[in-house]
Amino acid sequence: MAKETMQAVSDAEKSAHQTVLHAKEESERLLAEAQTQGKKLIADAEKEAMKRADILCGVARADAEKQKARSAKETEEEQGRLKEAASASLPRAAEEIKKIVLGQSERR
């Protein structure tokens, strides 16, 4: 019976050792698989982020172009108003200059 017990213990130890080896191999396989999946997920996320960044850049460029066009139009309109104001003031300025020149001429 002692021999049978010793054999049973030996078999149990071998079985436990095999179970530990199998578990270690399985954990290494799962870890490698998880690392591979993690790398793929990161790569996919980076691609998606780049796509979104490109879209946002495009939208920002379009908005900037619209703002540029609005600013150019506003600047042109303001220049037009200033030219009109200057043209309206021109006769009065000419009259004032004439008075100054004639006034100086009369003093001589």
PDB file of N, CA and C in Angstrom:
ATOM      1  N   MET A   1       0.806  -1.180   0.000  1.00  0.00           N
ATOM      2  CA  MET A   1       0.000   0.000   0.000  1.00  0.00           C
ATOM      3  C   MET A   1       0.867   1.269   0.000  1.00  0.00           C
ATOM      4  N   ALA A   2       1.991   1.242   0.654  1.00  0.00           N
ATOM      5  CA  ALA A   2       2.904   2.368   0.675  1.00  0.00           C
ATOM      6  C   ALA A   2       3.432   2.622  -0.728  1.00  0.00           C
ATOM      7  N   LYS A   3       3.693   1.532  -1.456  1.00  0.00           N
ATOM      8  CA  LYS A   3       4.173   1.676  -2.811  1.00  0.00           C
ATOM      9  C   LYS A   3       3.106   2.329  -3.681  1.00  0.00           C
ATOM     10  N   GLU A   4       1.871   1.934  -3.498  1.00  0.00           N
ATOM     11  CA  GLU A   4       0.758   2.512  -4.260  1.00  0.00           C
ATOM     12  C   GLU A   4       0.559   3.979  -3.894  1.00  0.00           C
ATOM     13  N   THR A   5       0.732   4.299  -2.646  1.00  0.00           N
ATOM     14  CA  THR A   5       0.597   5.686  -2.184  1.00  0.00           C
ATOM     15  C   THR A   5       1.697   6.535  -2.777  1.00  0.00           C
ATOM     16  N   MET A   6       2.923   6.015  -2.733  1.00  0.00           N
ATOM     17  CA  MET A   6       4.055   6.743  -3.300  1.00  0.00           C
ATOM     18  C   MET A   6       3.860   6.961  -4.812  1.00  0.00           C
ATOM     19  N   GLN A   7       3.334   5.943  -5.480  1.00  0.00           N
ATOM     20  CA  GLN A   7       3.087   6.057  -6.917  1.00  0.00           C
ATOM     21  C   GLN A   7       1.995   7.098  -7.172  1.00  0.00           C
ATOM     22  N   ALA A   8       0.963   7.097  -6.351  1.00  0.00           N
ATOM     23  CA  ALA A   8      -0.134   8.059  -6.496  1.00  0.00           C
ATOM     24  C   ALA A   8       0.384   9.479  -6.278  1.00  0.00           C
ATOM     25  N   VAL A   9       1.251   9.652  -5.275  1.00  0.00           N
ATOM     26  CA  VAL A   9       1.845  10.969  -5.000  1.00  0.00           C
ATOM     27  C   VAL A   9       2.707  11.385  -6.184  1.00  0.00           C
ATOM     28  N   SER A  10       3.504  10.460  -6.705  1.00  0.00           N
ATOM     29  CA  SER A  10       4.360  10.753  -7.844  1.00  0.00           C
ATOM     30  C   SER A  10       3.525  11.138  -9.055  1.00  0.00           C
ATOM     31  N   ASP A  11       2.463  10.397  -9.292  1.00  0.00           N
ATOM     32  CA  ASP A  11       1.569  10.708 -10.424  1.00  0.00           C
ATOM     33  C   ASP A  11       0.903  12.075 -10.227  1.00  0.00           C
ATOM     34  N   ALA A  12       0.500  12.355  -9.010  1.00  0.00           N
ATOM     35  CA  ALA A  12      -0.132  13.638  -8.700  1.00  0.00           C
ATOM     36  C   ALA A  12       0.854  14.789  -8.920  1.00  0.00           C
ATOM     37  N   GLU A  13       2.111  14.587  -8.504  1.00  0.00           N
ATOM     38  CA  GLU A  13       3.134  15.609  -8.703  1.00  0.00           C
ATOM     39  C   GLU A  13       3.381  15.844 -10.194  1.00  0.00           C
ATOM     40  N   LYS A  14       3.461  14.750 -10.961  1.00  0.00           N
ATOM     41  CA  LYS A  14       3.655  14.879 -12.407  1.00  0.00           C
ATOM     42  C   LYS A  14       2.476  15.607 -13.042  1.00  0.00           C
ATOM     43  N   SER A  15       1.292  15.238 -12.623  1.00  0.00           N
ATOM     44  CA  SER A  15       0.080  15.864 -13.150  1.00  0.00           C
ATOM     45  C   SER A  15       0.046  17.353 -12.788  1.00  0.00           C
ATOM     46  N   ALA A  16       0.401  17.668 -11.555  1.00  0.00           N
ATOM     47  CA  ALA A  16       0.439  19.063 -11.116  1.00  0.00           C
ATOM     48  C   ALA A  16       1.486  19.834 -11.904  1.00  0.00           C
ATOM     49  N   HIS A  17       2.644  19.227 -12.105  1.00  0.00           N
ATOM     50  CA  HIS A  17       3.716  19.871 -12.865  1.00  0.00           C
ATOM     51  C   HIS A  17       3.258  20.146 -14.308  1.00  0.00           C
ATOM     52  N   GLN A  18       2.604  19.147 -14.916  1.00  0.00           N
ATOM     53  CA  GLN A  18       2.088  19.306 -16.278  1.00  0.00           C
ATOM     54  C   GLN A  18       1.018  20.412 -16.329  1.00  0.00           C
ATOM     55  N   THR A  19       0.174  20.446 -15.296  1.00  0.00           N
ATOM     56  CA  THR A  19      -0.873  21.473 -15.229  1.00  0.00           C
ATOM     57  C   THR A  19      -0.247  22.859 -15.124  1.00  0.00           C
ATOM     58  N   VAL A  20       0.794  22.981 -14.302  1.00  0.00           N
ATOM     59  CA  VAL A  20       1.484  24.263 -14.144  1.00  0.00           C
ATOM     60  C   VAL A  20       2.137  24.663 -15.463  1.00  0.00           C
ATOM     61  N   LEU A  21       2.801  23.737 -16.133  1.00  0.00           N
ATOM     62  CA  LEU A  21       3.437  24.038 -17.419  1.00  0.00           C
ATOM     63  C   LEU A  21       2.407  24.469 -18.457  1.00  0.00           C
ATOM     64  N   HIS A  22       1.296  23.717 -18.490  1.00  0.00           N
ATOM     65  CA  HIS A  22       0.231  24.050 -19.441  1.00  0.00           C
ATOM     66  C   HIS A  22      -0.337  25.441 -19.134  1.00  0.00           C
ATOM     67  N   ALA A  23      -0.557  25.734 -17.870  1.00  0.00           N
ATOM     68  CA  ALA A  23      -1.093  27.040 -17.469  1.00  0.00           C
ATOM     69  C   ALA A  23      -0.115  28.155 -17.843  1.00  0.00           C
ATOM     70  N   LYS A  24       1.176  27.917 -17.640  1.00  0.00           N
ATOM     71  CA  LYS A  24       2.194  28.908 -17.990  1.00  0.00           C
ATOM     72  C   LYS A  24       2.209  29.155 -19.494  1.00  0.00           C
ATOM     73  N   GLU A  25       2.173  28.082 -20.277  1.00  0.00           N
ATOM     74  CA  GLU A  25       2.153  28.218 -21.728  1.00  0.00           C
ATOM     75  C   GLU A  25       0.893  28.956 -22.189  1.00  0.00           C
ATOM     76  N   GLU A  26      -0.225  28.605 -21.594  1.00  0.00           N
ATOM     77  CA  GLU A  26      -1.497  29.253 -21.957  1.00  0.00           C
ATOM     78  C   GLU A  26      -1.468  30.735 -21.588  1.00  0.00           C
ATOM     79  N   SER A  27      -0.924  31.066 -20.430  1.00  0.00           N
ATOM     80  CA  SER A  27      -0.857  32.478 -20.024  1.00  0.00           C
ATOM     81  C   SER A  27       0.075  33.258 -20.943  1.00  0.00           C
ATOM     82  N   GLU A  28       1.185  32.649 -21.359  1.00  0.00           N
ATOM     83  CA  GLU A  28       2.099  33.310 -22.295  1.00  0.00           C
ATOM     84  C   GLU A  28       1.429  33.529 -23.645  1.00  0.00           C
ATOM     85  N   ARG A  29       0.675  32.529 -24.086  1.00  0.00           N
ATOM     86  CA  ARG A  29      -0.054  32.654 -25.359  1.00  0.00           C
ATOM     87  C   ARG A  29      -1.093  33.766 -25.263  1.00  0.00           C
ATOM     88  N   LEU A  30      -1.845  33.786 -24.172  1.00  0.00           N
ATOM     89  CA  LEU A  30      -2.870  34.820 -23.984  1.00  0.00           C
ATOM     90  C   LEU A  30      -2.242  36.217 -23.885  1.00  0.00           C
ATOM     91  N   LEU A  31      -1.108  36.301 -23.203  1.00  0.00           N
ATOM     92  CA  LEU A  31      -0.415  37.577 -23.073  1.00  0.00           C
ATOM     93  C   LEU A  31       0.059  38.067 -24.447  1.00  0.00           C
ATOM     94  N   ALA A  32       0.642  37.173 -25.241  1.00  0.00           N
ATOM     95  CA  ALA A  32       1.106  37.550 -26.584  1.00  0.00           C
ATOM     96  C   ALA A  32      -0.077  37.982 -27.450  1.00  0.00           C
ATOM     97  N   GLU A  33      -1.187  37.262 -27.349  1.00  0.00           N
ATOM     98  CA  GLU A  33      -2.387  37.600 -28.113  1.00  0.00           C
ATOM     99  C   GLU A  33      -2.925  38.972 -27.684  1.00  0.00           C
ATOM    100  N   ALA A  34      -2.925  39.211 -26.376  1.00  0.00           N
ATOM    101  CA  ALA A  34      -3.398  40.501 -25.867  1.00  0.00           C
ATOM    102  C   ALA A  34      -2.500  41.639 -26.337  1.00  0.00           C
ATOM    103  N   GLN A  35      -1.197  41.408 -26.357  1.00  0.00           N
ATOM    104  CA  GLN A  35      -0.270  42.433 -26.828  1.00  0.00           C
ATOM    105  C   GLN A  35      -0.506  42.740 -28.308  1.00  0.00           C
ATOM    106  N   THR A  36      -0.720  41.695 -29.082  1.00  0.00           N
ATOM    107  CA  THR A  36      -0.976  41.877 -30.512  1.00  0.00           C
ATOM    108  C   THR A  36      -2.268  42.659 -30.724  1.00  0.00           C
ATOM    109  N   GLN A  37      -3.309  42.274 -29.987  1.00  0.00           N
ATOM    110  CA  GLN A  37      -4.582  42.982 -30.110  1.00  0.00           C
ATOM    111  C   GLN A  37      -4.440  44.433 -29.644  1.00  0.00           C
ATOM    112  N   GLY A  38      -3.679  44.648 -28.580  1.00  0.00           N
ATOM    113  CA  GLY A  38      -3.457  46.002 -28.081  1.00  0.00           C
ATOM    114  C   GLY A  38      -2.772  46.872 -29.118  1.00  0.00           C
ATOM    115  N   LYS A  39      -1.744  46.324 -29.771  1.00  0.00           N
ATOM    116  CA  LYS A  39      -1.034  47.066 -30.817  1.00  0.00           C
ATOM    117  C   LYS A  39      -1.962  47.399 -31.973  1.00  0.00           C
ATOM    118  N   LYS A  40      -2.809  46.435 -32.344  1.00  0.00           N
ATOM    119  CA  LYS A  40      -3.748  46.659 -33.441  1.00  0.00           C
ATOM    120  C   LYS A  40      -4.759  47.735 -33.050  1.00  0.00           C
ATOM    121  N   LEU A  41      -5.263  47.681 -31.836  1.00  0.00           N
ATOM    122  CA  LEU A  41      -6.224  48.683 -31.384  1.00  0.00           C
ATOM    123  C   LEU A  41      -5.599  50.075 -31.349  1.00  0.00           C
ATOM    124  N   ILE A  42      -4.358  50.151 -30.910  1.00  0.00           N
ATOM    125  CA  ILE A  42      -3.660  51.439 -30.875  1.00  0.00           C
ATOM    126  C   ILE A  42      -3.462  51.971 -32.297  1.00  0.00           C
ATOM    127  N   ALA A  43      -3.062  51.101 -33.204  1.00  0.00           N
ATOM    128  CA  ALA A  43      -2.856  51.514 -34.600  1.00  0.00           C
ATOM    129  C   ALA A  43      -4.178  51.990 -35.215  1.00  0.00           C
ATOM    130  N   ASP A  44      -5.253  51.250 -34.945  1.00  0.00           N
ATOM    131  CA  ASP A  44      -6.566  51.641 -35.459  1.00  0.00           C
ATOM    132  C   ASP A  44      -7.000  52.984 -34.871  1.00  0.00           C
ATOM    133  N   ALA A  45      -6.756  53.171 -33.583  1.00  0.00           N
ATOM    134  CA  ALA A  45      -7.124  54.435 -32.929  1.00  0.00           C
ATOM    135  C   ALA A  45      -6.317  55.596 -33.508  1.00  0.00           C
ATOM    136  N   GLU A  46      -5.037  55.359 -33.780  1.00  0.00           N
ATOM    137  CA  GLU A  46      -4.199  56.409 -34.378  1.00  0.00           C
ATOM    138  C   GLU A  46      -4.708  56.772 -35.769  1.00  0.00           C
ATOM    139  N   LYS A  47      -5.088  55.764 -36.563  1.00  0.00           N
ATOM    140  CA  LYS A  47      -5.616  56.031 -37.903  1.00  0.00           C
ATOM    141  C   LYS A  47      -6.899  56.847 -37.814  1.00  0.00           C
ATOM    142  N   GLU A  48      -7.774  56.459 -36.902  1.00  0.00           N
ATOM    143  CA  GLU A  48      -9.045  57.170 -36.722  1.00  0.00           C
ATOM    144  C   GLU A  48      -8.795  58.606 -36.261  1.00  0.00           C
ATOM    145  N   ALA A  49      -7.851  58.775 -35.356  1.00  0.00           N
ATOM    146  CA  ALA A  49      -7.512  60.121 -34.871  1.00  0.00           C
ATOM    147  C   ALA A  49      -6.971  60.982 -36.007  1.00  0.00           C
ATOM    148  N   MET A  50      -6.150  60.403 -36.863  1.00  0.00           N
ATOM    149  CA  MET A  50      -5.608  61.150 -37.995  1.00  0.00           C
ATOM    150  C   MET A  50      -6.719  61.549 -38.970  1.00  0.00           C
ATOM    151  N   LYS A  51      -7.653  60.639 -39.203  1.00  0.00           N
ATOM    152  CA  LYS A  51      -8.782  60.961 -40.082  1.00  0.00           C
ATOM    153  C   LYS A  51      -9.572  62.132 -39.507  1.00  0.00           C
ATOM    154  N   ARG A  52      -9.860  62.049 -38.214  1.00  0.00           N
ATOM    155  CA  ARG A  52     -10.625  63.126 -37.581  1.00  0.00           C
ATOM    156  C   ARG A  52      -9.845  64.435 -37.595  1.00  0.00           C
ATOM    157  N   ALA A  53      -8.551  64.349 -37.373  1.00  0.00           N
ATOM    158  CA  ALA A  53      -7.718  65.558 -37.401  1.00  0.00           C
ATOM    159  C   ALA A  53      -7.737  66.176 -38.800  1.00  0.00           C
ATOM    160  N   ASP A  54      -7.668  65.349 -39.829  1.00  0.00           N
ATOM    161  CA  ASP A  54      -7.718  65.858 -41.203  1.00  0.00           C
ATOM    162  C   ASP A  54      -9.055  66.545 -41.475  1.00  0.00           C
ATOM    163  N   ILE A  55     -10.121  65.937 -40.991  1.00  0.00           N
ATOM    164  CA  ILE A  55     -11.452  66.529 -41.175  1.00  0.00           C
ATOM    165  C   ILE A  55     -11.535  67.874 -40.455  1.00  0.00           C
ATOM    166  N   LEU A  56     -11.076  67.899 -39.207  1.00  0.00           N
ATOM    167  CA  LEU A  56     -11.112  69.148 -38.445  1.00  0.00           C
ATOM    168  C   LEU A  56     -10.237  70.227 -39.083  1.00  0.00           C
ATOM    169  N   CYS A  57      -9.097  69.832 -39.618  1.00  0.00           N
ATOM    170  CA  CYS A  57      -8.231  70.803 -40.315  1.00  0.00           C
ATOM    171  C   CYS A  57      -8.936  71.355 -41.547  1.00  0.00           C
ATOM    172  N   GLY A  58      -9.605  70.492 -42.259  1.00  0.00           N
ATOM    173  CA  GLY A  58     -10.343  70.934 -43.445  1.00  0.00           C
ATOM    174  C   GLY A  58     -11.446  71.916 -43.081  1.00  0.00           C
ATOM    175  N   VAL A  59     -12.164  71.605 -42.014  1.00  0.00           N
ATOM    176  CA  VAL A  59     -13.227  72.504 -41.551  1.00  0.00           C
ATOM    177  C   VAL A  59     -12.635  73.835 -41.115  1.00  0.00           C
ATOM    178  N   ALA A  60     -11.525  73.769 -40.385  1.00  0.00           N
ATOM    179  CA  ALA A  60     -10.872  75.003 -39.924  1.00  0.00           C
ATOM    180  C   ALA A  60     -10.388  75.834 -41.106  1.00  0.00           C
ATOM    181  N   ARG A  61      -9.838  75.185 -42.128  1.00  0.00           N
ATOM    182  CA  ARG A  61      -9.389  75.918 -43.323  1.00  0.00           C
ATOM    183  C   ARG A  61     -10.568  76.591 -44.016  1.00  0.00           C
ATOM    184  N   ALA A  62     -11.663  75.849 -44.146  1.00  0.00           N
ATOM    185  CA  ALA A  62     -12.856  76.416 -44.787  1.00  0.00           C
ATOM    186  C   ALA A  62     -13.372  77.607 -43.991  1.00  0.00           C
ATOM    187  N   ASP A  63     -13.416  77.459 -42.667  1.00  0.00           N
ATOM    188  CA  ASP A  63     -13.856  78.574 -41.823  1.00  0.00           C
ATOM    189  C   ASP A  63     -12.925  79.769 -41.961  1.00  0.00           C
ATOM    190  N   ALA A  64     -11.622  79.501 -42.019  1.00  0.00           N
ATOM    191  CA  ALA A  64     -10.643  80.582 -42.166  1.00  0.00           C
ATOM    192  C   ALA A  64     -10.817  81.292 -43.506  1.00  0.00           C
ATOM    193  N   GLU A  65     -11.073  80.539 -44.557  1.00  0.00           N
ATOM    194  CA  GLU A  65     -11.290  81.147 -45.874  1.00  0.00           C
ATOM    195  C   GLU A  65     -12.544  82.017 -45.867  1.00  0.00           C
ATOM    196  N   LYS A  66     -13.601  81.532 -45.215  1.00  0.00           N
ATOM    197  CA  LYS A  66     -14.833  82.324 -45.120  1.00  0.00           C
ATOM    198  C   LYS A  66     -14.574  83.612 -44.345  1.00  0.00           C
ATOM    199  N   GLN A  67     -13.852  83.489 -43.240  1.00  0.00           N
ATOM    200  CA  GLN A  67     -13.534  84.667 -42.434  1.00  0.00           C
ATOM    201  C   GLN A  67     -12.661  85.637 -43.217  1.00  0.00           C
ATOM    202  N   LYS A  68     -11.714  85.100 -43.980  1.00  0.00           N
ATOM    203  CA  LYS A  68     -10.842  85.934 -44.812  1.00  0.00           C
ATOM    204  C   LYS A  68     -11.677  86.704 -45.826  1.00  0.00           C
ATOM    205  N   ALA A  69     -12.620  86.019 -46.451  1.00  0.00           N
ATOM    206  CA  ALA A  69     -13.477  86.664 -47.445  1.00  0.00           C
ATOM    207  C   ALA A  69     -14.341  87.741 -46.782  1.00  0.00           C
ATOM    208  N   ARG A  70     -14.889  87.438 -45.602  1.00  0.00           N
ATOM    209  CA  ARG A  70     -15.694  88.432 -44.874  1.00  0.00           C
ATOM    210  C   ARG A  70     -14.852  89.647 -44.513  1.00  0.00           C
ATOM    211  N   SER A  71     -13.644  89.398 -44.031  1.00  0.00           N
ATOM    212  CA  SER A  71     -12.756  90.502 -43.642  1.00  0.00           C
ATOM    213  C   SER A  71     -12.380  91.345 -44.852  1.00  0.00           C
ATOM    214  N   ALA A  72     -12.088  90.699 -45.955  1.00  0.00           N
ATOM    215  CA  ALA A  72     -11.735  91.437 -47.173  1.00  0.00           C
ATOM    216  C   ALA A  72     -12.909  92.295 -47.622  1.00  0.00           C
ATOM    217  N   LYS A  73     -14.104  91.738 -47.564  1.00  0.00           N
ATOM    218  CA  LYS A  73     -15.306  92.491 -47.962  1.00  0.00           C
ATOM    219  C   LYS A  73     -15.520  93.674 -47.018  1.00  0.00           C
ATOM    220  N   GLU A  74     -15.392  93.445 -45.719  1.00  0.00           N
ATOM    221  CA  GLU A  74     -15.571  94.523 -44.747  1.00  0.00           C
ATOM    222  C   GLU A  74     -14.515  95.611 -44.943  1.00  0.00           C
ATOM    223  N   THR A  75     -13.284  95.192 -45.209  1.00  0.00           N
ATOM    224  CA  THR A  75     -12.207  96.162 -45.446  1.00  0.00           C
ATOM    225  C   THR A  75     -12.501  96.992 -46.691  1.00  0.00           C
ATOM    226  N   GLU A  76     -12.943  96.328 -47.739  1.00  0.00           N
ATOM    227  CA  GLU A  76     -13.279  97.027 -48.983  1.00  0.00           C
ATOM    228  C   GLU A  76     -14.423  98.009 -48.760  1.00  0.00           C
ATOM    229  N   GLU A  77     -15.432  97.586 -48.017  1.00  0.00           N
ATOM    230  CA  GLU A  77     -16.562  98.474 -47.726  1.00  0.00           C
ATOM    231  C   GLU A  77     -16.108  99.679 -46.906  1.00  0.00           C
ATOM    232  N   GLU A  78     -15.256  99.444 -45.910  1.00  0.00           N
ATOM    233  CA  GLU A  78     -14.753 100.534 -45.070  1.00  0.00           C
ATOM    234  C   GLU A  78     -13.909 101.505 -45.904  1.00  0.00           C
ATOM    235  N   GLN A  79     -13.086 100.965 -46.804  1.00  0.00           N
ATOM    236  CA  GLN A  79     -12.298 101.826 -47.684  1.00  0.00           C
ATOM    237  C   GLN A  79     -13.212 102.669 -48.565  1.00  0.00           C
ATOM    238  N   GLY A  80     -14.279 102.061 -49.033  1.00  0.00           N
ATOM    239  CA  GLY A  80     -15.247 102.803 -49.853  1.00  0.00           C
ATOM    240  C   GLY A  80     -15.876 103.940 -49.060  1.00  0.00           C
ATOM    241  N   ARG A  81     -16.266 103.668 -47.818  1.00  0.00           N
ATOM    242  CA  ARG A  81     -16.851 104.706 -46.964  1.00  0.00           C
ATOM    243  C   ARG A  81     -15.843 105.826 -46.705  1.00  0.00           C
ATOM    244  N   LEU A  82     -14.599 105.440 -46.449  1.00  0.00           N
ATOM    245  CA  LEU A  82     -13.564 106.451 -46.197  1.00  0.00           C
ATOM    246  C   LEU A  82     -13.302 107.298 -47.435  1.00  0.00           C
ATOM    247  N   LYS A  83     -13.292 106.678 -48.617  1.00  0.00           N
ATOM    248  CA  LYS A  83     -13.095 107.432 -49.855  1.00  0.00           C
ATOM    249  C   LYS A  83     -14.241 108.402 -50.086  1.00  0.00           C
ATOM    250  N   GLU A  84     -15.464 107.935 -49.821  1.00  0.00           N
ATOM    251  CA  GLU A  84     -16.634 108.803 -49.969  1.00  0.00           C
ATOM    252  C   GLU A  84     -16.544 109.985 -49.008  1.00  0.00           C
ATOM    253  N   ALA A  85     -16.162 109.704 -47.767  1.00  0.00           N
ATOM    254  CA  ALA A  85     -16.031 110.774 -46.776  1.00  0.00           C
ATOM    255  C   ALA A  85     -14.938 111.755 -47.196  1.00  0.00           C
ATOM    256  N   ALA A  86     -13.822 111.214 -47.709  1.00  0.00           N
ATOM    257  CA  ALA A  86     -12.734 112.083 -48.158  1.00  0.00           C
ATOM    258  C   ALA A  86     -13.179 112.918 -49.355  1.00  0.00           C
ATOM    259  N   SER A  87     -13.907 112.309 -50.282  1.00  0.00           N
ATOM    260  CA  SER A  87     -14.399 113.039 -51.450  1.00  0.00           C
ATOM    261  C   SER A  87     -15.379 114.127 -51.037  1.00  0.00           C
ATOM    262  N   ALA A  88     -16.215 113.823 -50.071  1.00  0.00           N
ATOM    263  CA  ALA A  88     -17.184 114.809 -49.582  1.00  0.00           C
ATOM    264  C   ALA A  88     -16.468 115.962 -48.885  1.00  0.00           C
ATOM    265  N   SER A  89     -15.375 115.679 -48.221  1.00  0.00           N
ATOM    266  CA  SER A  89     -14.625 116.713 -47.493  1.00  0.00           C
ATOM    267  C   SER A  89     -13.692 117.508 -48.400  1.00  0.00           C
ATOM    268  N   LEU A  90     -13.428 117.026 -49.567  1.00  0.00           N
ATOM    269  CA  LEU A  90     -12.466 117.655 -50.470  1.00  0.00           C
ATOM    270  C   LEU A  90     -12.833 119.096 -50.833  1.00  0.00           C
ATOM    271  N   PRO A  91     -14.071 119.369 -51.218  1.00  0.00           N
ATOM    272  CA  PRO A  91     -14.386 120.760 -51.562  1.00  0.00           C
ATOM    273  C   PRO A  91     -14.173 121.702 -50.370  1.00  0.00           C
ATOM    274  N   ARG A  92     -14.577 121.288 -49.199  1.00  0.00           N
ATOM    275  CA  ARG A  92     -14.404 122.124 -48.005  1.00  0.00           C
ATOM    276  C   ARG A  92     -12.920 122.335 -47.714  1.00  0.00           C
ATOM    277  N   ALA A  93     -12.120 121.234 -47.826  1.00  0.00           N
ATOM    278  CA  ALA A  93     -10.691 121.346 -47.592  1.00  0.00           C
ATOM    279  C   ALA A  93     -10.053 122.277 -48.615  1.00  0.00           C
ATOM    280  N   ALA A  94     -10.486 122.182 -49.852  1.00  0.00           N
ATOM    281  CA  ALA A  94      -9.957 123.055 -50.909  1.00  0.00           C
ATOM    282  C   ALA A  94     -10.302 124.505 -50.609  1.00  0.00           C
ATOM    283  N   GLU A  95     -11.493 124.724 -50.132  1.00  0.00           N
ATOM    284  CA  GLU A  95     -11.931 126.076 -49.776  1.00  0.00           C
ATOM    285  C   GLU A  95     -11.097 126.635 -48.635  1.00  0.00           C
ATOM    286  N   GLU A  96     -10.839 125.796 -47.629  1.00  0.00           N
ATOM    287  CA  GLU A  96     -10.035 126.229 -46.491  1.00  0.00           C
ATOM    288  C   GLU A  96      -8.600 126.535 -46.929  1.00  0.00           C
ATOM    289  N   ILE A  97      -8.075 125.690 -47.785  1.00  0.00           N
ATOM    290  CA  ILE A  97      -6.713 125.918 -48.300  1.00  0.00           C
ATOM    291  C   ILE A  97      -6.683 127.229 -49.094  1.00  0.00           C
ATOM    292  N   LYS A  98      -7.722 127.455 -49.882  1.00  0.00           N
ATOM    293  CA  LYS A  98      -7.809 128.666 -50.693  1.00  0.00           C
ATOM    294  C   LYS A  98      -7.836 129.903 -49.791  1.00  0.00           C
ATOM    295  N   LYS A  99      -8.610 129.816 -48.698  1.00  0.00           N
ATOM    296  CA  LYS A  99      -8.698 130.940 -47.760  1.00  0.00           C
ATOM    297  C   LYS A  99      -7.342 131.212 -47.125  1.00  0.00           C
ATOM    298  N   ILE A 100      -6.647 130.134 -46.766  1.00  0.00           N
ATOM    299  CA  ILE A 100      -5.333 130.304 -46.138  1.00  0.00           C
ATOM    300  C   ILE A 100      -4.362 130.930 -47.124  1.00  0.00           C
ATOM    301  N   VAL A 101      -4.354 130.422 -48.335  1.00  0.00           N
ATOM    302  CA  VAL A 101      -3.426 130.933 -49.345  1.00  0.00           C
ATOM    303  C   VAL A 101      -3.765 132.378 -49.691  1.00  0.00           C
ATOM    304  N   LEU A 102      -5.037 132.650 -49.907  1.00  0.00           N
ATOM    305  CA  LEU A 102      -5.450 134.019 -50.259  1.00  0.00           C
ATOM    306  C   LEU A 102      -5.246 134.967 -49.078  1.00  0.00           C
ATOM    307  N   GLY A 103      -5.507 134.447 -47.907  1.00  0.00           N
ATOM    308  CA  GLY A 103      -5.324 135.269 -46.712  1.00  0.00           C
ATOM    309  C   GLY A 103      -3.871 135.643 -46.545  1.00  0.00           C
ATOM    310  N   GLN A 104      -2.982 134.735 -46.815  1.00  0.00           N
ATOM    311  CA  GLN A 104      -1.549 135.021 -46.725  1.00  0.00           C
ATOM    312  C   GLN A 104      -1.144 135.962 -47.849  1.00  0.00           C
ATOM    313  N   SER A 105      -1.777 135.808 -49.002  1.00  0.00           N
ATOM    314  CA  SER A 105      -1.436 136.659 -50.131  1.00  0.00           C
ATOM    315  C   SER A 105      -1.869 138.088 -49.852  1.00  0.00           C
ATOM    316  N   GLU A 106      -3.002 138.248 -49.206  1.00  0.00           N
ATOM    317  CA  GLU A 106      -3.543 139.581 -48.944  1.00  0.00           C
ATOM    318  C   GLU A 106      -2.698 140.309 -47.906  1.00  0.00           C
ATOM    319  N   ARG A 107      -2.061 139.597 -46.977  1.00  0.00           N
ATOM    320  CA  ARG A 107      -1.246 140.212 -45.933  1.00  0.00           C
ATOM    321  C   ARG A 107       0.019 140.821 -46.511  1.00  0.00           C
ATOM    322  N   ARG A 108       0.500 140.291 -47.579  1.00  0.00           N
ATOM    323  CA  ARG A 108       1.784 140.749 -48.143  1.00  0.00           C
ATOM    324  C   ARG A 108       1.694 142.084 -48.698  1.00  0.00           C
TER     325      ARG A 108
END
